[in-house]
PDB file of all heavy atoms in Angstrom:
ATOM      1  N   LEU A   1     121.707 121.878 107.177  1.00  0.00           N
ATOM      2  CA  LEU A   1     122.813 120.926 106.739  1.00  0.00           C
ATOM      3  C   LEU A   1     123.120 120.031 107.889  1.00  0.00           C
ATOM      4  O   LEU A   1     123.413 118.759 107.754  1.00  0.00           O
ATOM      5  CB  LEU A   1     124.055 121.675 106.241  1.00  0.00           C
ATOM      6  CG  LEU A   1     125.046 120.810 105.547  1.00  0.00           C
ATOM      7  CD1 LEU A   1     124.543 120.410 104.135  1.00  0.00           C
ATOM      8  CD2 LEU A   1     126.345 121.442 105.534  1.00  0.00           C
ATOM      9  N   ARG A   2     123.361 120.591 109.136  1.00  0.00           N
ATOM     10  CA  ARG A   2     123.620 119.893 110.313  1.00  0.00           C
ATOM     11  C   ARG A   2     122.621 118.817 110.698  1.00  0.00           C
ATOM     12  O   ARG A   2     122.918 117.816 111.255  1.00  0.00           O
ATOM     13  CB  ARG A   2     124.016 120.772 111.501  1.00  0.00           C
ATOM     14  CG  ARG A   2     125.356 121.476 111.143  1.00  0.00           C
ATOM     15  CD  ARG A   2     125.609 122.553 112.251  1.00  0.00           C
ATOM     16  NE  ARG A   2     125.782 122.025 113.602  1.00  0.00           N
ATOM     17  CZ  ARG A   2     126.945 121.615 114.007  1.00  0.00           C
ATOM     18  NH1 ARG A   2     127.984 121.569 113.316  1.00  0.00           N
ATOM     19  NH2 ARG A   2     127.061 120.962 115.224  1.00  0.00           N
ATOM     20  N   MET A   3     121.317 119.158 110.394  1.00  0.00           N
ATOM     21  CA  MET A   3     120.271 118.178 110.729  1.00  0.00           C
ATOM     22  C   MET A   3     120.364 116.987 109.748  1.00  0.00           C
ATOM     23  O   MET A   3     120.133 115.857 110.119  1.00  0.00           O
ATOM     24  CB  MET A   3     118.928 118.837 110.555  1.00  0.00           C
ATOM     25  CG  MET A   3     118.549 119.695 111.760  1.00  0.00           C
ATOM     26  SD  MET A   3     116.797 120.351 111.841  1.00  0.00           S
ATOM     27  CE  MET A   3     116.757 121.491 110.478  1.00  0.00           C
ATOM     28  N   ILE A   4     120.683 117.270 108.510  1.00  0.00           N
ATOM     29  CA  ILE A   4     120.804 116.271 107.454  1.00  0.00           C
ATOM     30  C   ILE A   4     122.065 115.274 107.841  1.00  0.00           C
ATOM     31  O   ILE A   4     122.004 114.108 107.810  1.00  0.00           O
ATOM     32  CB  ILE A   4     121.036 116.753 106.096  1.00  0.00           C
ATOM     33  CG1 ILE A   4     119.881 117.547 105.670  1.00  0.00           C
ATOM     34  CG2 ILE A   4     121.480 115.723 105.114  1.00  0.00           C
ATOM     35  CD1 ILE A   4     120.096 118.360 104.289  1.00  0.00           C
ATOM     36  N   ALA A   5     123.101 116.032 108.470  1.00  0.00           N
ATOM     37  CA  ALA A   5     124.243 115.217 108.802  1.00  0.00           C
ATOM     38  C   ALA A   5     124.095 114.441 110.131  1.00  0.00           C
ATOM     39  O   ALA A   5     124.818 113.487 110.488  1.00  0.00           O
ATOM     40  CB  ALA A   5     125.412 116.151 108.946  1.00  0.00           C
ATOM     41  N   GLY A   6     123.049 114.822 110.937  1.00  0.00           N
ATOM     42  CA  GLY A   6     122.808 114.178 112.172  1.00  0.00           C
ATOM     43  C   GLY A   6     123.521 114.863 113.333  1.00  0.00           C
ATOM     44  O   GLY A   6     123.534 114.402 114.533  1.00  0.00           O
ATOM     45  N   LEU A   7     124.119 116.078 113.129  1.00  0.00           N
ATOM     46  CA  LEU A   7     124.887 116.851 114.165  1.00  0.00           C
ATOM     47  C   LEU A   7     123.870 117.619 114.973  1.00  0.00           C
ATOM     48  O   LEU A   7     124.200 118.232 116.069  1.00  0.00           O
ATOM     49  CB  LEU A   7     125.889 117.699 113.554  1.00  0.00           C
ATOM     50  CG  LEU A   7     127.021 116.897 112.659  1.00  0.00           C
ATOM     51  CD1 LEU A   7     127.990 117.849 112.051  1.00  0.00           C
ATOM     52  CD2 LEU A   7     127.599 115.882 113.555  1.00  0.00           C
ATOM     53  N   GLU A   8     122.618 117.800 114.410  1.00  0.00           N
ATOM     54  CA  GLU A   8     121.598 118.565 115.178  1.00  0.00           C
ATOM     55  C   GLU A   8     120.360 117.673 115.104  1.00  0.00           C
ATOM     56  O   GLU A   8     120.085 117.025 114.169  1.00  0.00           O
ATOM     57  CB  GLU A   8     121.235 119.921 114.399  1.00  0.00           C
ATOM     58  CG  GLU A   8     122.338 120.962 114.505  1.00  0.00           C
ATOM     59  CD  GLU A   8     122.378 121.757 115.755  1.00  0.00           C
ATOM     60  OE1 GLU A   8     121.614 121.474 116.750  1.00  0.00           O
ATOM     61  OE2 GLU A   8     123.174 122.707 115.857  1.00  0.00           O
ATOM     62  N   ASP A   9     119.670 117.660 116.418  1.00  0.00           N
ATOM     63  CA  ASP A   9     118.447 116.879 116.371  1.00  0.00           C
ATOM     64  C   ASP A   9     117.298 117.593 115.559  1.00  0.00           C
ATOM     65  O   ASP A   9     117.364 118.848 115.504  1.00  0.00           O
ATOM     66  CB  ASP A   9     118.040 116.674 117.787  1.00  0.00           C
ATOM     67  CG  ASP A   9     118.865 115.844 118.615  1.00  0.00           C
ATOM     68  OD1 ASP A   9     119.510 114.978 118.007  1.00  0.00           O
ATOM     69  OD2 ASP A   9     118.993 116.093 119.791  1.00  0.00           O
ATOM     70  N   ILE A  10     116.473 116.866 114.987  1.00  0.00           N
ATOM     71  CA  ILE A  10     115.338 117.357 114.260  1.00  0.00           C
ATOM     72  C   ILE A  10     114.184 117.542 115.214  1.00  0.00           C
ATOM     73  O   ILE A  10     113.718 116.578 115.877  1.00  0.00           O
ATOM     74  CB  ILE A  10     114.863 116.508 113.093  1.00  0.00           C
ATOM     75  CG1 ILE A  10     116.023 116.485 112.048  1.00  0.00           C
ATOM     76  CG2 ILE A  10     113.558 117.004 112.388  1.00  0.00           C
ATOM     77  CD1 ILE A  10     115.805 115.510 110.930  1.00  0.00           C
ATOM     78  N   SER A  11     113.552 118.787 115.360  1.00  0.00           N
ATOM     79  CA  SER A  11     112.510 119.004 116.304  1.00  0.00           C
ATOM     80  C   SER A  11     111.242 118.431 116.030  1.00  0.00           C
ATOM     81  O   SER A  11     110.446 117.883 116.730  1.00  0.00           O
ATOM     82  CB  SER A  11     112.352 120.574 116.609  1.00  0.00           C
ATOM     83  OG  SER A  11     113.617 121.101 116.980  1.00  0.00           O
ATOM     84  N   SER A  12     110.883 118.400 114.557  1.00  0.00           N
ATOM     85  CA  SER A  12     109.844 117.890 114.115  1.00  0.00           C
ATOM     86  C   SER A  12     109.903 117.675 112.615  1.00  0.00           C
ATOM     87  O   SER A  12     110.813 118.357 111.906  1.00  0.00           O
ATOM     88  CB  SER A  12     108.484 118.685 114.315  1.00  0.00           C
ATOM     89  OG  SER A  12     108.529 120.038 113.710  1.00  0.00           O
ATOM     90  N   GLY A  13     109.106 116.794 111.935  1.00  0.00           N
ATOM     91  CA  GLY A  13     109.235 116.535 110.566  1.00  0.00           C
ATOM     92  C   GLY A  13     110.040 115.234 110.264  1.00  0.00           C
ATOM     93  O   GLY A  13     110.428 114.574 111.137  1.00  0.00           O
ATOM     94  N   GLU A  14     110.227 114.937 108.983  1.00  0.00           N
ATOM     95  CA  GLU A  14     110.927 113.754 108.574  1.00  0.00           C
ATOM     96  C   GLU A  14     112.117 114.059 107.668  1.00  0.00           C
ATOM     97  O   GLU A  14     112.051 114.878 106.795  1.00  0.00           O
ATOM     98  CB  GLU A  14     109.971 112.829 107.931  1.00  0.00           C
ATOM     99  CG  GLU A  14     109.081 111.934 108.809  1.00  0.00           C
ATOM    100  CD  GLU A  14     108.365 110.941 108.134  1.00  0.00           C
ATOM    101  OE1 GLU A  14     108.237 110.941 106.733  1.00  0.00           O
ATOM    102  OE2 GLU A  14     107.762 109.992 108.706  1.00  0.00           O
ATOM    103  N   LEU A  15     113.239 113.385 107.914  1.00  0.00           N
ATOM    104  CA  LEU A  15     114.371 113.353 106.994  1.00  0.00           C
ATOM    105  C   LEU A  15     114.582 111.996 106.480  1.00  0.00           C
ATOM    106  O   LEU A  15     114.738 111.038 107.171  1.00  0.00           O
ATOM    107  CB  LEU A  15     115.669 113.952 107.759  1.00  0.00           C
ATOM    108  CG  LEU A  15     116.956 113.691 106.957  1.00  0.00           C
ATOM    109  CD1 LEU A  15     117.019 114.706 105.859  1.00  0.00           C
ATOM    110  CD2 LEU A  15     118.105 114.044 107.901  1.00  0.00           C
ATOM    111  N   ILE A  16     114.535 112.011 105.158  1.00  0.00           N
ATOM    112  CA  ILE A  16     114.672 110.767 104.433  1.00  0.00           C
ATOM    113  C   ILE A  16     115.764 110.753 103.540  1.00  0.00           C
ATOM    114  O   ILE A  16     116.035 111.590 102.698  1.00  0.00           O
ATOM    115  CB  ILE A  16     113.387 110.339 103.634  1.00  0.00           C
ATOM    116  CG1 ILE A  16     112.164 110.348 104.469  1.00  0.00           C
ATOM    117  CG2 ILE A  16     113.482 109.053 102.795  1.00  0.00           C
ATOM    118  CD1 ILE A  16     110.816 110.400 103.681  1.00  0.00           C
ATOM    119  N   ILE A  17     116.826 109.741 103.739  1.00  0.00           N
ATOM    120  CA  ILE A  17     117.916 109.530 102.746  1.00  0.00           C
ATOM    121  C   ILE A  17     117.676 108.211 102.009  1.00  0.00           C
ATOM    122  O   ILE A  17     117.655 107.184 102.700  1.00  0.00           O
ATOM    123  CB  ILE A  17     119.248 109.588 103.548  1.00  0.00           C
ATOM    124  CG1 ILE A  17     119.469 111.002 104.250  1.00  0.00           C
ATOM    125  CG2 ILE A  17     120.346 109.293 102.582  1.00  0.00           C
ATOM    126  CD1 ILE A  17     120.718 111.068 105.063  1.00  0.00           C
ATOM    127  N   GLY A  18     117.718 108.390 100.794  1.00  0.00           N
ATOM    128  CA  GLY A  18     117.317 107.126 100.020  1.00  0.00           C
ATOM    129  C   GLY A  18     115.833 106.818 100.212  1.00  0.00           C
ATOM    130  O   GLY A  18     114.992 107.707  99.947  1.00  0.00           O
ATOM    131  N   ASP A  19     115.526 105.622 100.771  1.00  0.00           N
ATOM    132  CA  ASP A  19     114.201 105.427 101.056  1.00  0.00           C
ATOM    133  C   ASP A  19     114.081 105.110 102.614  1.00  0.00           C
ATOM    134  O   ASP A  19     113.069 104.422 103.018  1.00  0.00           O
ATOM    135  CB  ASP A  19     113.741 104.059 100.361  1.00  0.00           C
ATOM    136  CG  ASP A  19     114.710 102.957 100.647  1.00  0.00           C
ATOM    137  OD1 ASP A  19     115.655 103.033 101.238  1.00  0.00           O
ATOM    138  OD2 ASP A  19     114.463 101.882  99.891  1.00  0.00           O
ATOM    139  N   LYS A  20     114.872 105.651 103.432  1.00  0.00           N
ATOM    140  CA  LYS A  20     114.999 105.407 104.822  1.00  0.00           C
ATOM    141  C   LYS A  20     114.771 106.626 105.647  1.00  0.00           C
ATOM    142  O   LYS A  20     115.566 107.585 105.447  1.00  0.00           O
ATOM    143  CB  LYS A  20     116.204 104.674 105.208  1.00  0.00           C
ATOM    144  CG  LYS A  20     116.453 104.313 106.646  1.00  0.00           C
ATOM    145  CD  LYS A  20     117.727 103.650 106.911  1.00  0.00           C
ATOM    146  CE  LYS A  20     117.796 103.266 108.496  1.00  0.00           C
ATOM    147  NZ  LYS A  20     119.316 102.621 108.682  1.00  0.00           N
ATOM    148  N   VAL A  21     113.841 106.614 106.566  1.00  0.00           N
ATOM    149  CA  VAL A  21     113.717 107.910 107.534  1.00  0.00           C
ATOM    150  C   VAL A  21     114.846 107.695 108.555  1.00  0.00           C
ATOM    151  O   VAL A  21     114.993 106.651 109.233  1.00  0.00           O
ATOM    152  CB  VAL A  21     112.461 107.715 108.292  1.00  0.00           C
ATOM    153  CG1 VAL A  21     112.239 108.891 109.236  1.00  0.00           C
ATOM    154  CG2 VAL A  21     111.213 107.853 107.342  1.00  0.00           C
ATOM    155  N   VAL A  22     115.757 108.826 108.674  1.00  0.00           N
ATOM    156  CA  VAL A  22     116.921 108.719 109.430  1.00  0.00           C
ATOM    157  C   VAL A  22     116.860 109.701 110.549  1.00  0.00           C
ATOM    158  O   VAL A  22     117.981 110.003 111.058  1.00  0.00           O
ATOM    159  CB  VAL A  22     118.191 108.985 108.535  1.00  0.00           C
ATOM    160  CG1 VAL A  22     118.295 107.886 107.452  1.00  0.00           C
ATOM    161  CG2 VAL A  22     118.090 110.366 107.916  1.00  0.00           C
ATOM    162  N   ASN A  23     115.757 110.152 111.029  1.00  0.00           N
ATOM    163  CA  ASN A  23     115.707 111.181 112.132  1.00  0.00           C
ATOM    164  C   ASN A  23     116.495 110.681 113.319  1.00  0.00           C
ATOM    165  O   ASN A  23     117.198 111.537 114.018  1.00  0.00           O
ATOM    166  CB  ASN A  23     114.254 111.371 112.489  1.00  0.00           C
ATOM    167  CG  ASN A  23     113.400 112.088 111.515  1.00  0.00           C
ATOM    168  OD1 ASN A  23     113.564 111.910 110.367  1.00  0.00           O
ATOM    169  ND2 ASN A  23     112.599 113.038 112.012  1.00  0.00           N
ATOM    170  N   ASN A  24     116.350 109.364 113.641  1.00  0.00           N
ATOM    171  CA  ASN A  24     116.969 108.892 114.927  1.00  0.00           C
ATOM    172  C   ASN A  24     118.319 107.935 114.644  1.00  0.00           C
ATOM    173  O   ASN A  24     118.720 107.406 115.436  1.00  0.00           O
ATOM    174  CB  ASN A  24     115.961 108.078 115.661  1.00  0.00           C
ATOM    175  CG  ASN A  24     114.847 108.986 116.170  1.00  0.00           C
ATOM    176  OD1 ASN A  24     115.008 110.084 116.605  1.00  0.00           O
ATOM    177  ND2 ASN A  24     113.672 108.476 115.979  1.00  0.00           N
ATOM    178  N   VAL A  25     118.738 108.125 113.319  1.00  0.00           N
ATOM    179  CA  VAL A  25     119.935 107.267 113.047  1.00  0.00           C
ATOM    180  C   VAL A  25     121.187 108.044 113.321  1.00  0.00           C
ATOM    181  O   VAL A  25     121.186 109.267 112.955  1.00  0.00           O
ATOM    182  CB  VAL A  25     119.898 106.912 111.499  1.00  0.00           C
ATOM    183  CG1 VAL A  25     121.125 106.206 111.028  1.00  0.00           C
ATOM    184  CG2 VAL A  25     118.695 106.143 111.203  1.00  0.00           C
TER     185      VAL A  25
END
């Protein structure tokens, strides 16, 4: 959940909200 929120960095893989990759947002 914290990775989805952006409170934890994602070590690998992709998180997409809507149609946008938000790993570094």
